Amino acid sequence: MATVLVADDDPDVRDVVVFKLQQSGHEVLVAEDGGAALDLARSSRPDLAVLDVMMPRMTGLDVCRELRADRATAGIPVILLTARAQEGDIESGFAWGADDYLTKPFSPRELDSRVRAVLARSRR
């Protein structure tokens, strides 16, 4: 399957996301904050990144922006995972370059479906 970077500062959410993705056959790279996520993305070049928006050091939006600004990582698809569900927050996520936006609380099955869909679109 794919290599997926998961970055979330909440260990409970992170564990659920990692478990579901591993259950679906993905290799998962884990970061606890935005800075570590950016470092992992640059060094490992995952097939997809699932980023919490509100993290220490760098937000998921900042990580997304940095990925898009670097030619080496610009093609990594990004799903933002966040409790921020206002229409303006969602618009900002897409404006910063996200490929999808999933609000918390979320269904692990929906996350898996969105990961599959984004990966399929990126492979075309």
N, C-alpha and C. Protein backbone atom coordinates (compact mmCIF):
# COMPACT_ATOMS: atom_id res chain seq x y z
N MET A 1 0.85 -1.19 0.00
CA MET A 1 0.00 0.00 0.00
C MET A 1 0.88 1.24 0.00
N ALA A 2 0.52 2.25 0.80
CA ALA A 2 1.21 3.54 0.77
C ALA A 2 1.90 3.83 2.10
N THR A 3 2.81 4.78 2.05
CA THR A 3 3.43 5.30 3.27
C THR A 3 2.70 6.59 3.62
N VAL A 4 2.16 6.65 4.84
CA VAL A 4 1.36 7.79 5.28
C VAL A 4 2.00 8.41 6.51
N LEU A 5 2.22 9.71 6.47
CA LEU A 5 2.70 10.47 7.61
C LEU A 5 1.50 10.94 8.41
N VAL A 6 1.48 10.65 9.71
CA VAL A 6 0.41 11.08 10.60
C VAL A 6 1.02 12.01 11.64
N ALA A 7 0.48 13.22 11.75
CA ALA A 7 0.97 14.17 12.74
C ALA A 7 -0.21 14.72 13.54
N ASP A 8 -0.18 14.44 14.83
CA ASP A 8 -1.21 14.94 15.74
C ASP A 8 -0.62 14.96 17.13
N ASP A 9 -0.83 16.04 17.86
CA ASP A 9 -0.25 16.14 19.20
C ASP A 9 -1.10 15.42 20.25
N ASP A 10 -2.30 15.00 19.91
CA ASP A 10 -3.14 14.26 20.83
C ASP A 10 -2.87 12.76 20.65
N PRO A 11 -2.27 12.12 21.66
CA PRO A 11 -1.90 10.71 21.49
C PRO A 11 -3.09 9.78 21.23
N ASP A 12 -4.24 10.09 21.80
CA ASP A 12 -5.41 9.24 21.59
C ASP A 12 -5.88 9.28 20.13
N VAL A 13 -5.96 10.48 19.59
CA VAL A 13 -6.37 10.63 18.18
C VAL A 13 -5.31 10.00 17.29
N ARG A 14 -4.06 10.30 17.57
CA ARG A 14 -2.96 9.76 16.77
C ARG A 14 -2.99 8.24 16.75
N ASP A 15 -3.22 7.62 17.90
CA ASP A 15 -3.25 6.16 17.98
C ASP A 15 -4.38 5.57 17.15
N VAL A 16 -5.55 6.21 17.16
CA VAL A 16 -6.69 5.73 16.37
C VAL A 16 -6.36 5.82 14.88
N VAL A 17 -5.80 6.95 14.46
CA VAL A 17 -5.47 7.14 13.05
C VAL A 17 -4.41 6.12 12.62
N VAL A 18 -3.37 5.98 13.42
CA VAL A 18 -2.29 5.04 13.09
C VAL A 18 -2.84 3.62 13.01
N PHE A 19 -3.65 3.23 13.99
CA PHE A 19 -4.21 1.88 14.00
C PHE A 19 -5.03 1.61 12.74
N LYS A 20 -5.91 2.55 12.39
CA LYS A 20 -6.78 2.35 11.23
C LYS A 20 -5.97 2.25 9.94
N LEU A 21 -4.97 3.11 9.81
CA LEU A 21 -4.17 3.09 8.59
C LEU A 21 -3.32 1.82 8.49
N GLN A 22 -2.75 1.38 9.60
CA GLN A 22 -1.98 0.14 9.60
C GLN A 22 -2.90 -1.05 9.31
N GLN A 23 -4.10 -1.03 9.86
CA GLN A 23 -5.08 -2.08 9.62
C GLN A 23 -5.41 -2.16 8.13
N SER A 24 -5.35 -1.03 7.44
CA SER A 24 -5.64 -0.98 6.01
C SER A 24 -4.41 -1.30 5.16
N GLY A 25 -3.30 -1.62 5.81
CA GLY A 25 -2.11 -2.05 5.09
C GLY A 25 -1.08 -0.98 4.79
N HIS A 26 -1.27 0.21 5.31
CA HIS A 26 -0.32 1.29 5.06
C HIS A 26 0.85 1.24 6.03
N GLU A 27 2.00 1.69 5.57
CA GLU A 27 3.12 1.95 6.47
C GLU A 27 2.89 3.35 7.01
N VAL A 28 3.07 3.53 8.33
CA VAL A 28 2.75 4.81 8.94
C VAL A 28 3.98 5.41 9.61
N LEU A 29 4.24 6.67 9.31
CA LEU A 29 5.26 7.47 9.98
C LEU A 29 4.53 8.38 10.95
N VAL A 30 5.06 8.55 12.16
CA VAL A 30 4.34 9.28 13.20
C VAL A 30 5.14 10.49 13.69
N ALA A 31 4.45 11.62 13.82
CA ALA A 31 5.03 12.84 14.38
C ALA A 31 4.07 13.40 15.42
N GLU A 32 4.65 13.99 16.48
CA GLU A 32 3.84 14.54 17.56
C GLU A 32 3.64 16.05 17.45
N ASP A 33 4.31 16.69 16.50
CA ASP A 33 4.13 18.12 16.30
C ASP A 33 4.45 18.47 14.85
N GLY A 34 4.14 19.70 14.49
CA GLY A 34 4.32 20.11 13.11
C GLY A 34 5.75 20.14 12.64
N GLY A 35 6.67 20.56 13.50
CA GLY A 35 8.07 20.59 13.11
C GLY A 35 8.60 19.21 12.79
N ALA A 36 8.28 18.25 13.63
CA ALA A 36 8.70 16.86 13.38
C ALA A 36 8.05 16.32 12.12
N ALA A 37 6.80 16.70 11.88
CA ALA A 37 6.10 16.24 10.66
C ALA A 37 6.80 16.77 9.41
N LEU A 38 7.19 18.03 9.43
CA LEU A 38 7.86 18.61 8.28
C LEU A 38 9.21 17.92 8.04
N ASP A 39 9.95 17.68 9.11
CA ASP A 39 11.24 16.98 8.99
C ASP A 39 11.05 15.59 8.39
N LEU A 40 10.05 14.84 8.89
CA LEU A 40 9.79 13.50 8.38
C LEU A 40 9.35 13.53 6.91
N ALA A 41 8.53 14.49 6.56
CA ALA A 41 8.06 14.60 5.18
C ALA A 41 9.23 14.86 4.24
N ARG A 42 10.14 15.73 4.66
CA ARG A 42 11.28 16.05 3.81
C ARG A 42 12.26 14.88 3.68
N SER A 43 12.43 14.14 4.77
CA SER A 43 13.41 13.04 4.74
C SER A 43 12.85 11.74 4.16
N SER A 44 11.55 11.50 4.35
CA SER A 44 10.96 10.21 3.95
C SER A 44 10.08 10.27 2.72
N ARG A 45 9.62 11.45 2.34
CA ARG A 45 8.74 11.62 1.18
C ARG A 45 7.57 10.64 1.18
N PRO A 46 6.68 10.75 2.17
CA PRO A 46 5.53 9.84 2.21
C PRO A 46 4.60 10.04 1.02
N ASP A 47 3.74 9.07 0.81
CA ASP A 47 2.75 9.15 -0.27
C ASP A 47 1.60 10.08 0.09
N LEU A 48 1.42 10.34 1.39
CA LEU A 48 0.31 11.16 1.88
C LEU A 48 0.64 11.63 3.28
N ALA A 49 0.15 12.81 3.65
CA ALA A 49 0.29 13.31 5.02
C ALA A 49 -1.10 13.60 5.58
N VAL A 50 -1.34 13.13 6.80
CA VAL A 50 -2.56 13.44 7.54
C VAL A 50 -2.11 14.33 8.70
N LEU A 51 -2.52 15.59 8.68
CA LEU A 51 -2.01 16.58 9.62
C LEU A 51 -3.11 17.21 10.45
N ASP A 52 -2.93 17.20 11.76
CA ASP A 52 -3.79 17.96 12.65
C ASP A 52 -3.50 19.44 12.40
N VAL A 53 -4.50 20.28 12.45
CA VAL A 53 -4.29 21.70 12.22
C VAL A 53 -3.62 22.35 13.43
N MET A 54 -4.10 22.06 14.63
CA MET A 54 -3.59 22.73 15.83
C MET A 54 -2.54 21.86 16.53
N MET A 55 -1.26 22.13 16.23
CA MET A 55 -0.15 21.40 16.85
C MET A 55 0.89 22.40 17.31
N PRO A 56 1.73 21.99 18.29
CA PRO A 56 2.82 22.86 18.70
C PRO A 56 3.93 22.94 17.65
N ARG A 57 4.80 23.92 17.80
CA ARG A 57 5.93 24.22 16.91
C ARG A 57 5.47 24.75 15.56
N MET A 58 4.64 24.01 14.88
CA MET A 58 4.07 24.44 13.60
C MET A 58 2.68 23.85 13.50
N THR A 59 1.74 24.63 12.97
CA THR A 59 0.41 24.08 12.76
C THR A 59 0.41 23.20 11.52
N GLY A 60 -0.63 22.41 11.36
CA GLY A 60 -0.77 21.63 10.15
C GLY A 60 -0.87 22.51 8.92
N LEU A 61 -1.45 23.69 9.06
CA LEU A 61 -1.52 24.63 7.94
C LEU A 61 -0.12 25.09 7.56
N ASP A 62 0.72 25.38 8.56
CA ASP A 62 2.09 25.79 8.29
C ASP A 62 2.86 24.67 7.58
N VAL A 63 2.68 23.45 8.06
CA VAL A 63 3.36 22.31 7.44
C VAL A 63 2.90 22.16 5.99
N CYS A 64 1.62 22.26 5.76
CA CYS A 64 1.07 22.16 4.41
C CYS A 64 1.67 23.24 3.52
N ARG A 65 1.72 24.46 4.00
CA ARG A 65 2.28 25.56 3.22
C ARG A 65 3.75 25.31 2.88
N GLU A 66 4.52 24.82 3.86
CA GLU A 66 5.94 24.53 3.64
C GLU A 66 6.13 23.40 2.65
N LEU A 67 5.29 22.38 2.74
CA LEU A 67 5.37 21.27 1.77
C LEU A 67 5.12 21.78 0.36
N ARG A 68 4.11 22.61 0.20
CA ARG A 68 3.75 23.12 -1.13
C ARG A 68 4.82 24.05 -1.69
N ALA A 69 5.57 24.73 -0.82
CA ALA A 69 6.58 25.69 -1.26
C ALA A 69 7.88 25.03 -1.71
N ASP A 70 8.07 23.77 -1.37
CA ASP A 70 9.31 23.05 -1.68
C ASP A 70 9.03 22.11 -2.86
N ARG A 71 9.77 22.26 -3.95
CA ARG A 71 9.53 21.42 -5.13
C ARG A 71 9.63 19.93 -4.82
N ALA A 72 10.48 19.57 -3.88
CA ALA A 72 10.68 18.15 -3.55
C ALA A 72 9.49 17.54 -2.84
N THR A 73 8.70 18.36 -2.15
CA THR A 73 7.57 17.82 -1.37
C THR A 73 6.22 18.37 -1.83
N ALA A 74 6.22 19.21 -2.84
CA ALA A 74 4.98 19.87 -3.27
C ALA A 74 3.90 18.90 -3.71
N GLY A 75 4.29 17.71 -4.17
CA GLY A 75 3.31 16.75 -4.66
C GLY A 75 2.75 15.81 -3.61
N ILE A 76 3.20 15.94 -2.36
CA ILE A 76 2.67 15.07 -1.30
C ILE A 76 1.24 15.52 -0.98
N PRO A 77 0.24 14.66 -1.18
CA PRO A 77 -1.13 15.04 -0.83
C PRO A 77 -1.27 15.21 0.68
N VAL A 78 -2.15 16.14 1.07
CA VAL A 78 -2.35 16.45 2.48
C VAL A 78 -3.83 16.39 2.82
N ILE A 79 -4.14 15.66 3.89
CA ILE A 79 -5.47 15.68 4.50
C ILE A 79 -5.32 16.37 5.84
N LEU A 80 -6.06 17.45 6.04
CA LEU A 80 -6.08 18.12 7.33
C LEU A 80 -7.15 17.49 8.20
N LEU A 81 -6.79 17.20 9.43
CA LEU A 81 -7.68 16.56 10.40
C LEU A 81 -7.79 17.50 11.59
N THR A 82 -8.97 18.02 11.86
CA THR A 82 -9.07 19.06 12.88
C THR A 82 -10.46 19.20 13.48
N ALA A 83 -10.49 19.80 14.65
CA ALA A 83 -11.76 20.11 15.30
C ALA A 83 -12.33 21.42 14.77
N ARG A 84 -11.55 22.16 14.02
CA ARG A 84 -12.00 23.45 13.48
C ARG A 84 -12.89 23.21 12.27
N ALA A 85 -14.19 23.40 12.48
CA ALA A 85 -15.17 23.02 11.45
C ALA A 85 -15.93 24.21 10.87
N GLN A 86 -15.51 25.42 11.19
CA GLN A 86 -16.18 26.59 10.62
C GLN A 86 -15.89 26.65 9.11
N GLU A 87 -16.81 27.18 8.37
CA GLU A 87 -16.63 27.27 6.92
C GLU A 87 -15.34 28.00 6.56
N GLY A 88 -15.01 29.06 7.29
CA GLY A 88 -13.78 29.81 7.02
C GLY A 88 -12.53 28.99 7.27
N ASP A 89 -12.57 28.12 8.29
CA ASP A 89 -11.43 27.25 8.58
C ASP A 89 -11.21 26.26 7.44
N ILE A 90 -12.29 25.70 6.94
CA ILE A 90 -12.21 24.74 5.84
C ILE A 90 -11.68 25.44 4.58
N GLU A 91 -12.20 26.63 4.29
CA GLU A 91 -11.71 27.38 3.14
C GLU A 91 -10.22 27.68 3.27
N SER A 92 -9.78 28.05 4.47
CA SER A 92 -8.36 28.32 4.70
C SER A 92 -7.52 27.08 4.45
N GLY A 93 -7.99 25.94 4.91
CA GLY A 93 -7.26 24.70 4.71
C GLY A 93 -7.03 24.41 3.23
N PHE A 94 -8.07 24.58 2.43
CA PHE A 94 -7.92 24.35 1.00
C PHE A 94 -7.07 25.44 0.36
N ALA A 95 -7.20 26.67 0.83
CA ALA A 95 -6.40 27.77 0.28
C ALA A 95 -4.91 27.56 0.55
N TRP A 96 -4.57 26.90 1.65
CA TRP A 96 -3.17 26.66 1.99
C TRP A 96 -2.64 25.42 1.27
N GLY A 97 -3.49 24.72 0.52
CA GLY A 97 -3.00 23.63 -0.30
C GLY A 97 -3.44 22.24 0.10
N ALA A 98 -4.35 22.12 1.05
CA ALA A 98 -4.82 20.79 1.46
C ALA A 98 -5.62 20.14 0.33
N ASP A 99 -5.52 18.82 0.27
CA ASP A 99 -6.28 18.06 -0.72
C ASP A 99 -7.63 17.61 -0.18
N ASP A 100 -7.73 17.52 1.15
CA ASP A 100 -8.99 17.14 1.79
C ASP A 100 -8.97 17.67 3.21
N TYR A 101 -10.13 17.70 3.85
CA TYR A 101 -10.28 18.30 5.18
C TYR A 101 -11.31 17.45 5.93
N LEU A 102 -10.91 16.89 7.04
CA LEU A 102 -11.79 16.02 7.82
C LEU A 102 -11.89 16.58 9.24
N THR A 103 -13.13 16.76 9.71
CA THR A 103 -13.31 17.35 11.03
C THR A 103 -13.45 16.28 12.11
N LYS A 104 -12.97 16.64 13.31
CA LYS A 104 -13.08 15.79 14.50
C LYS A 104 -14.38 16.16 15.19
N PRO A 105 -15.06 15.23 15.80
CA PRO A 105 -14.76 13.80 15.80
C PRO A 105 -15.02 13.22 14.42
N PHE A 106 -14.28 12.19 14.10
CA PHE A 106 -14.35 11.60 12.77
C PHE A 106 -14.55 10.10 12.89
N SER A 107 -15.04 9.52 11.84
CA SER A 107 -15.20 8.07 11.75
C SER A 107 -13.90 7.50 11.17
N PRO A 108 -13.29 6.52 11.83
CA PRO A 108 -12.10 5.90 11.25
C PRO A 108 -12.36 5.31 9.86
N ARG A 109 -13.55 4.83 9.62
CA ARG A 109 -13.89 4.30 8.30
C ARG A 109 -13.92 5.41 7.26
N GLU A 110 -14.44 6.58 7.64
CA GLU A 110 -14.45 7.71 6.72
C GLU A 110 -13.02 8.16 6.44
N LEU A 111 -12.18 8.21 7.47
CA LEU A 111 -10.77 8.56 7.27
C LEU A 111 -10.13 7.62 6.27
N ASP A 112 -10.34 6.32 6.45
CA ASP A 112 -9.78 5.33 5.54
C ASP A 112 -10.27 5.57 4.11
N SER A 113 -11.54 5.85 3.95
CA SER A 113 -12.10 6.11 2.61
C SER A 113 -11.48 7.35 1.98
N ARG A 114 -11.30 8.38 2.77
CA ARG A 114 -10.71 9.62 2.24
C ARG A 114 -9.25 9.41 1.88
N VAL A 115 -8.52 8.65 2.70
CA VAL A 115 -7.12 8.35 2.39
C VAL A 115 -7.05 7.62 1.06
N ARG A 116 -7.88 6.62 0.89
CA ARG A 116 -7.89 5.86 -0.38
C ARG A 116 -8.21 6.77 -1.57
N ALA A 117 -9.19 7.65 -1.39
CA ALA A 117 -9.60 8.53 -2.49
C ALA A 117 -8.49 9.52 -2.85
N VAL A 118 -7.87 10.12 -1.86
CA VAL A 118 -6.80 11.08 -2.14
C VAL A 118 -5.61 10.38 -2.78
N LEU A 119 -5.26 9.20 -2.28
CA LEU A 119 -4.16 8.45 -2.88
C LEU A 119 -4.48 8.09 -4.34
N ALA A 120 -5.70 7.67 -4.61
CA ALA A 120 -6.08 7.31 -5.98
C ALA A 120 -5.99 8.52 -6.90
N ARG A 121 -6.43 9.69 -6.43
CA ARG A 121 -6.35 10.90 -7.26
C ARG A 121 -4.90 11.30 -7.50
N SER A 122 -4.06 11.13 -6.50
CA SER A 122 -2.67 11.56 -6.64
C SER A 122 -1.86 10.65 -7.55
N ARG A 123 -2.32 9.42 -7.72
CA ARG A 123 -1.59 8.46 -8.56
C ARG A 123 -1.96 8.57 -10.03
N ARG A 124 -2.96 9.35 -10.34
CA ARG A 124 -3.40 9.50 -11.74
C ARG A 124 -2.43 10.36 -12.53
